[in-house]
Structures are given as structure tokens and as C-alpha cells.
């Protein structure tokens, strides 16, 4: 899957064939088909592996951090740090370098989906913040999606434009997360 991830990230999903993946790992294309029905299934597996790693990080945060505001802060930091540490994983899963066609909405939103589990962690944290009056009363779904969009935005920018004269990645990430959280407290 590493070879597929690398090729999807560098060349885009549409420009990668099973044959190209097989050549990269010195296998025959038929060998790959023993494990994956087609390129879509292989790409979904790559994406599921990525979101499973994020879910594991979020599980650890929720298990070890009791304050929901701190959970929110740590989850945001973990998300950005994951993307910066694993740019190919992130590009394929979250930046459109992977599957670009129709998405199976039922599978995407099923509780078994790693992507749904990843998002539900964020939603649950936001819900706890509202219930414990750590932030003002907000629509939990809209706010959770807005928070995800915020951390996705900074992650994508830092990956896409590494040579931009950023003020300092750590400082910028901290500021984005602080603004995000403080804006909810108002």
C-alpha cells in the first residue's frame, strides 16, 4: 500500500494504474488483484489505513485528557501534526489525490467507517464542550465541520506551500487553534 500511496500522492489517482503500482514493487499486476478487486478498493484501503491511524491518536487523547477544551486543542494539534508528518497519507486521504469519483455515501457515513469514527471523535468533543458550558451553545454538527475545515485548511496550506515564508509552523498552528477555540467561547 505504501507504493500505491506514494504514486497516488505524486501523480494523482487518475494517472496511476495497477500496472504502474505493480512495477514499482516488482510484482505482476495479477498479484495485486489477489488482494484488491480494483484500484478503487486499493485506494479505499489506503485511506482507511490513514484514518485508522488518526482514530488511534484521537482515542488516546480522549482516554488521557479529561477537559474537553484540552481534548479539542490536542485533537487539532494531532490532526495537523499527522498531516505534516505523513504528507502522502494526508494528500491521498484528504486532499483529492485519491478517489475523485462518486463516493459511497452510505459506507462513508456508517459508524464502521474509519472516516466517520474520526469525525465522530471531533463531534463528541464539541458536544461535551457545549454540555459542560466550556463554549457557547452552538450547532454541534455545523461547528464540528467548521473546526475540521479549519485544521484541514492550515494542514493543506502547510503541505502545499512549504516554501512560503510562514511565521513559524508551530506558532501558526497554535494561533489557528487558539483563535478557533476562543471564538467558540465568546
C-alpha atoms as a PDB file:
ATOM      1  CA  UNK A   1       0.000   0.000   0.000  1.00  0.00           C
ATOM      2  CA  UNK A   2       2.954   2.326   0.544  1.00  0.00           C
ATOM      3  CA  UNK A   3       3.818   2.251  -3.157  1.00  0.00           C
ATOM      4  CA  UNK A   4       0.216   2.963  -4.137  1.00  0.00           C
ATOM      5  CA  UNK A   5       0.007   5.829  -1.627  1.00  0.00           C
ATOM      6  CA  UNK A   6       3.235   7.340  -2.918  1.00  0.00           C
ATOM      7  CA  UNK A   7       2.133   7.120  -6.553  1.00  0.00           C
ATOM      8  CA  UNK A   8      -1.360   8.484  -5.825  1.00  0.00           C
ATOM      9  CA  UNK A   9       0.180  11.417  -3.922  1.00  0.00           C
ATOM     10  CA  UNK A  10       2.758  12.232  -6.597  1.00  0.00           C
ATOM     11  CA  UNK A  11       0.810  11.556  -9.781  1.00  0.00           C
ATOM     12  CA  UNK A  12      -2.841  11.695  -8.764  1.00  0.00           C
ATOM     13  CA  UNK A  13      -5.302   8.834  -8.627  1.00  0.00           C
ATOM     14  CA  UNK A  14      -6.384   9.176 -12.260  1.00  0.00           C
ATOM     15  CA  UNK A  15      -2.797   8.868 -13.543  1.00  0.00           C
ATOM     16  CA  UNK A  16      -1.919   5.690 -11.661  1.00  0.00           C
ATOM     17  CA  UNK A  17      -2.702   2.205 -12.912  1.00  0.00           C
ATOM     18  CA  UNK A  18      -2.487  -1.116 -11.143  1.00  0.00           C
ATOM     19  CA  UNK A  19       0.274  -1.967 -13.606  1.00  0.00           C
ATOM     20  CA  UNK A  20       2.267   1.107 -12.535  1.00  0.00           C
ATOM     21  CA  UNK A  21       1.874   0.136  -8.874  1.00  0.00           C
ATOM     22  CA  UNK A  22       2.963  -3.426  -9.665  1.00  0.00           C
ATOM     23  CA  UNK A  23       6.058  -2.167 -11.498  1.00  0.00           C
ATOM     24  CA  UNK A  24       7.016  -0.010  -8.520  1.00  0.00           C
ATOM     25  CA  UNK A  25       7.034  -3.021  -6.175  1.00  0.00           C
ATOM     26  CA  UNK A  26       8.329  -5.566  -8.705  1.00  0.00           C
ATOM     27  CA  UNK A  27       5.133  -7.626  -8.661  1.00  0.00           C
ATOM     28  CA  UNK A  28       2.931  -8.695 -11.501  1.00  0.00           C
ATOM     29  CA  UNK A  29      -0.384  -6.815 -11.738  1.00  0.00           C
ATOM     30  CA  UNK A  30      -2.238 -10.083 -11.215  1.00  0.00           C
ATOM     31  CA  UNK A  31      -0.618 -10.423  -7.789  1.00  0.00           C
ATOM     32  CA  UNK A  32      -2.141  -7.124  -6.659  1.00  0.00           C
ATOM     33  CA  UNK A  33      -5.546  -8.305  -7.874  1.00  0.00           C
ATOM     34  CA  UNK A  34      -5.297 -11.223  -5.445  1.00  0.00           C
ATOM     35  CA  UNK A  35      -5.565  -8.651  -2.631  1.00  0.00           C
ATOM     36  CA  UNK A  36      -7.657  -5.863  -4.166  1.00  0.00           C
ATOM     37  CA  UNK A  37     -10.581  -6.099  -6.575  1.00  0.00           C
ATOM     38  CA  UNK A  38      -9.543  -2.911  -8.361  1.00  0.00           C
ATOM     39  CA  UNK A  39      -7.755   0.406  -7.975  1.00  0.00           C
ATOM     40  CA  UNK A  40     -10.734   1.935  -6.143  1.00  0.00           C
ATOM     41  CA  UNK A  41     -10.618  -0.761  -3.474  1.00  0.00           C
ATOM     42  CA  UNK A  42      -6.860  -0.323  -3.091  1.00  0.00           C
ATOM     43  CA  UNK A  43      -7.254   3.441  -2.701  1.00  0.00           C
ATOM     44  CA  UNK A  44     -10.062   2.982  -0.158  1.00  0.00           C
ATOM     45  CA  UNK A  45      -7.768   0.686   1.832  1.00  0.00           C
ATOM     46  CA  UNK A  46      -5.016   3.308   1.741  1.00  0.00           C
ATOM     47  CA  UNK A  47      -7.483   5.934   3.002  1.00  0.00           C
ATOM     48  CA  UNK A  48      -8.899   3.620   5.684  1.00  0.00           C
ATOM     49  CA  UNK A  49      -5.384   2.938   6.939  1.00  0.00           C
ATOM     50  CA  UNK A  50      -4.774   6.684   7.263  1.00  0.00           C
ATOM     51  CA  UNK A  51      -7.999   7.424   9.103  1.00  0.00           C
ATOM     52  CA  UNK A  52      -7.423   4.407  11.376  1.00  0.00           C
ATOM     53  CA  UNK A  53      -4.124   5.979  12.460  1.00  0.00           C
ATOM     54  CA  UNK A  54      -5.902   9.245  13.230  1.00  0.00           C
ATOM     55  CA  UNK A  55      -8.654   7.435  15.135  1.00  0.00           C
ATOM     56  CA  UNK A  56      -5.981   5.737  17.245  1.00  0.00           C
ATOM     57  CA  UNK A  57      -4.447   9.115  18.094  1.00  0.00           C
ATOM     58  CA  UNK A  58      -7.860  10.580  18.947  1.00  0.00           C
ATOM     59  CA  UNK A  59      -8.680   7.522  21.084  1.00  0.00           C
ATOM     60  CA  UNK A  60      -5.509   8.198  23.066  1.00  0.00           C
ATOM     61  CA  UNK A  61      -6.364  11.870  23.542  1.00  0.00           C
ATOM     62  CA  UNK A  62      -9.892  11.150  24.749  1.00  0.00           C
ATOM     63  CA  UNK A  63      -8.603   8.431  27.103  1.00  0.00           C
ATOM     64  CA  UNK A  64      -5.869  10.550  28.694  1.00  0.00           C
ATOM     65  CA  UNK A  65      -7.191  14.127  28.650  1.00  0.00           C
ATOM     66  CA  UNK A  66     -10.276  14.902  30.752  1.00  0.00           C
ATOM     67  CA  UNK A  67     -11.039  18.544  29.899  1.00  0.00           C
ATOM     68  CA  UNK A  68     -12.936  18.785  26.583  1.00  0.00           C
ATOM     69  CA  UNK A  69     -11.285  22.116  25.671  1.00  0.00           C
ATOM     70  CA  UNK A  70      -7.888  20.463  26.100  1.00  0.00           C
ATOM     71  CA  UNK A  71      -9.162  17.491  24.079  1.00  0.00           C
ATOM     72  CA  UNK A  72     -10.219  19.872  21.309  1.00  0.00           C
ATOM     73  CA  UNK A  73      -6.850  21.627  21.345  1.00  0.00           C
ATOM     74  CA  UNK A  74      -4.889  18.359  21.384  1.00  0.00           C
ATOM     75  CA  UNK A  75      -7.052  16.803  18.654  1.00  0.00           C
ATOM     76  CA  UNK A  76      -6.491  19.834  16.427  1.00  0.00           C
ATOM     77  CA  UNK A  77      -2.751  19.713  17.029  1.00  0.00           C
ATOM     78  CA  UNK A  78      -2.651  15.950  16.440  1.00  0.00           C
ATOM     79  CA  UNK A  79      -4.549  16.313  13.158  1.00  0.00           C
ATOM     80  CA  UNK A  80      -2.181  18.971  11.800  1.00  0.00           C
ATOM     81  CA  UNK A  81       0.940  17.205  13.052  1.00  0.00           C
ATOM     82  CA  UNK A  82      -0.240  13.941  11.494  1.00  0.00           C
ATOM     83  CA  UNK A  83      -0.707  15.612   8.117  1.00  0.00           C
ATOM     84  CA  UNK A  84       2.691  17.286   8.253  1.00  0.00           C
ATOM     85  CA  UNK A  85       4.422  14.081   9.378  1.00  0.00           C
ATOM     86  CA  UNK A  86       2.645  11.943   6.773  1.00  0.00           C
ATOM     87  CA  UNK A  87       2.028  14.230   3.781  1.00  0.00           C
ATOM     88  CA  UNK A  88       1.435  11.390   1.307  1.00  0.00           C
ATOM     89  CA  UNK A  89      -1.129   9.787   3.609  1.00  0.00           C
ATOM     90  CA  UNK A  90      -2.813  13.160   4.035  1.00  0.00           C
ATOM     91  CA  UNK A  91      -2.796  14.106   0.344  1.00  0.00           C
ATOM     92  CA  UNK A  92      -4.375  10.846  -0.753  1.00  0.00           C
ATOM     93  CA  UNK A  93      -6.990  10.754   2.004  1.00  0.00           C
ATOM     94  CA  UNK A  94      -7.937  14.410   2.456  1.00  0.00           C
ATOM     95  CA  UNK A  95      -6.665  16.484  -0.472  1.00  0.00           C
ATOM     96  CA  UNK A  96      -8.189  14.842  -3.527  1.00  0.00           C
ATOM     97  CA  UNK A  97      -5.116  12.934  -4.663  1.00  0.00           C
ATOM     98  CA  UNK A  98      -7.055   9.724  -4.105  1.00  0.00           C
ATOM     99  CA  UNK A  99     -10.553   8.797  -5.191  1.00  0.00           C
ATOM    100  CA  UNK A 100     -12.236  11.640  -7.025  1.00  0.00           C
ATOM    101  CA  UNK A 101     -15.361   9.994  -8.363  1.00  0.00           C
ATOM    102  CA  UNK A 102     -18.666   9.358  -6.639  1.00  0.00           C
ATOM    103  CA  UNK A 103     -18.349   8.332  -3.009  1.00  0.00           C
ATOM    104  CA  UNK A 104     -20.483   5.613  -1.474  1.00  0.00           C
ATOM    105  CA  UNK A 105     -22.287   7.902   0.983  1.00  0.00           C
ATOM    106  CA  UNK A 106     -23.791   5.013   2.941  1.00  0.00           C
ATOM    107  CA  UNK A 107     -20.363   3.474   3.570  1.00  0.00           C
ATOM    108  CA  UNK A 108     -18.792   6.869   4.274  1.00  0.00           C
ATOM    109  CA  UNK A 109     -21.328   7.710   6.975  1.00  0.00           C
ATOM    110  CA  UNK A 110     -21.655   4.257   8.504  1.00  0.00           C
ATOM    111  CA  UNK A 111     -20.427   4.046  12.073  1.00  0.00           C
ATOM    112  CA  UNK A 112     -17.994   1.343  10.950  1.00  0.00           C
ATOM    113  CA  UNK A 113     -16.251   3.742   8.568  1.00  0.00           C
ATOM    114  CA  UNK A 114     -12.894   4.938   9.895  1.00  0.00           C
ATOM    115  CA  UNK A 115     -13.589   8.368   8.412  1.00  0.00           C
ATOM    116  CA  UNK A 116     -16.889   8.564  10.273  1.00  0.00           C
ATOM    117  CA  UNK A 117     -15.228   7.414  13.510  1.00  0.00           C
ATOM    118  CA  UNK A 118     -12.555  10.073  13.093  1.00  0.00           C
ATOM    119  CA  UNK A 119     -15.161  12.798  12.609  1.00  0.00           C
ATOM    120  CA  UNK A 120     -17.338  11.468  15.450  1.00  0.00           C
ATOM    121  CA  UNK A 121     -14.440  11.972  17.864  1.00  0.00           C
ATOM    122  CA  UNK A 122     -14.426  15.663  16.992  1.00  0.00           C
ATOM    123  CA  UNK A 123     -18.206  15.892  17.161  1.00  0.00           C
ATOM    124  CA  UNK A 124     -18.286  14.202  20.578  1.00  0.00           C
ATOM    125  CA  UNK A 125     -15.648  16.585  21.926  1.00  0.00           C
ATOM    126  CA  UNK A 126     -17.606  19.613  20.674  1.00  0.00           C
ATOM    127  CA  UNK A 127     -20.786  18.186  22.191  1.00  0.00           C
ATOM    128  CA  UNK A 128     -19.026  17.764  25.574  1.00  0.00           C
ATOM    129  CA  UNK A 129     -17.753  21.352  25.371  1.00  0.00           C
ATOM    130  CA  UNK A 130     -21.326  22.599  24.852  1.00  0.00           C
ATOM    131  CA  UNK A 131     -22.795  20.362  27.578  1.00  0.00           C
ATOM    132  CA  UNK A 132     -20.160  21.455  30.101  1.00  0.00           C
ATOM    133  CA  UNK A 133     -20.587  25.106  29.045  1.00  0.00           C
ATOM    134  CA  UNK A 134     -16.942  25.343  28.025  1.00  0.00           C
ATOM    135  CA  UNK A 135     -18.122  27.020  24.815  1.00  0.00           C
ATOM    136  CA  UNK A 136     -21.316  28.856  23.943  1.00  0.00           C
ATOM    137  CA  UNK A 137     -24.351  26.930  22.718  1.00  0.00           C
ATOM    138  CA  UNK A 138     -23.681  26.124  19.068  1.00  0.00           C
ATOM    139  CA  UNK A 139     -24.997  23.732  16.472  1.00  0.00           C
ATOM    140  CA  UNK A 140     -22.708  20.763  17.129  1.00  0.00           C
ATOM    141  CA  UNK A 141     -22.689  19.394  13.579  1.00  0.00           C
ATOM    142  CA  UNK A 142     -22.008  22.734  11.893  1.00  0.00           C
ATOM    143  CA  UNK A 143     -19.356  23.674  14.440  1.00  0.00           C
ATOM    144  CA  UNK A 144     -17.636  20.284  14.175  1.00  0.00           C
ATOM    145  CA  UNK A 145     -17.485  20.591  10.397  1.00  0.00           C
ATOM    146  CA  UNK A 146     -16.200  24.182  10.655  1.00  0.00           C
ATOM    147  CA  UNK A 147     -13.468  23.087  13.077  1.00  0.00           C
ATOM    148  CA  UNK A 148     -12.455  20.237  10.801  1.00  0.00           C
ATOM    149  CA  UNK A 149     -12.365  22.642   7.841  1.00  0.00           C
ATOM    150  CA  UNK A 150     -10.134  24.981   9.855  1.00  0.00           C
ATOM    151  CA  UNK A 151      -7.498  22.403  10.789  1.00  0.00           C
ATOM    152  CA  UNK A 152      -7.707  20.891   7.307  1.00  0.00           C
ATOM    153  CA  UNK A 153      -7.078  24.310   5.813  1.00  0.00           C
ATOM    154  CA  UNK A 154      -3.903  25.000   7.767  1.00  0.00           C
ATOM    155  CA  UNK A 155      -2.653  21.446   7.220  1.00  0.00           C
ATOM    156  CA  UNK A 156      -3.264  21.612   3.468  1.00  0.00           C
ATOM    157  CA  UNK A 157      -1.596  25.022   3.164  1.00  0.00           C
ATOM    158  CA  UNK A 158       1.489  23.922   5.082  1.00  0.00           C
ATOM    159  CA  UNK A 159       1.807  20.780   2.944  1.00  0.00           C
ATOM    160  CA  UNK A 160       1.121  22.522  -0.365  1.00  0.00           C
ATOM    161  CA  UNK A 161       3.259  25.627   0.227  1.00  0.00           C
ATOM    162  CA  UNK A 162       6.217  24.524   2.354  1.00  0.00           C
ATOM    163  CA  UNK A 163       8.421  27.331   0.994  1.00  0.00           C
ATOM    164  CA  UNK A 164       6.019  30.146   1.838  1.00  0.00           C
ATOM    165  CA  UNK A 165       7.587  32.430   4.470  1.00  0.00           C
ATOM    166  CA  UNK A 166       5.360  31.217   7.300  1.00  0.00           C
ATOM    167  CA  UNK A 167       5.881  32.980  10.650  1.00  0.00           C
ATOM    168  CA  UNK A 168       6.838  29.636  12.133  1.00  0.00           C
ATOM    169  CA  UNK A 169       4.788  26.479  11.758  1.00  0.00           C
ATOM    170  CA  UNK A 170       4.409  25.740  15.459  1.00  0.00           C
ATOM    171  CA  UNK A 171       3.395  29.307  16.252  1.00  0.00           C
ATOM    172  CA  UNK A 172       0.981  29.426  13.322  1.00  0.00           C
ATOM    173  CA  UNK A 173      -0.671  26.114  14.227  1.00  0.00           C
ATOM    174  CA  UNK A 174      -1.044  27.180  17.854  1.00  0.00           C
ATOM    175  CA  UNK A 175      -2.549  30.528  16.800  1.00  0.00           C
ATOM    176  CA  UNK A 176      -5.058  28.913  14.436  1.00  0.00           C
ATOM    177  CA  UNK A 177      -6.215  26.507  17.147  1.00  0.00           C
ATOM    178  CA  UNK A 178      -6.371  29.270  19.785  1.00  0.00           C
ATOM    179  CA  UNK A 179      -8.456  31.518  17.508  1.00  0.00           C
ATOM    180  CA  UNK A 180     -10.714  28.578  16.717  1.00  0.00           C
ATOM    181  CA  UNK A 181     -11.329  27.743  20.392  1.00  0.00           C
ATOM    182  CA  UNK A 182     -11.511  31.306  21.713  1.00  0.00           C
ATOM    183  CA  UNK A 183     -14.041  32.158  19.007  1.00  0.00           C
ATOM    184  CA  UNK A 184     -16.331  29.485  20.398  1.00  0.00           C
ATOM    185  CA  UNK A 185     -16.104  30.836  23.936  1.00  0.00           C
ATOM    186  CA  UNK A 186     -17.398  34.312  23.061  1.00  0.00           C
END
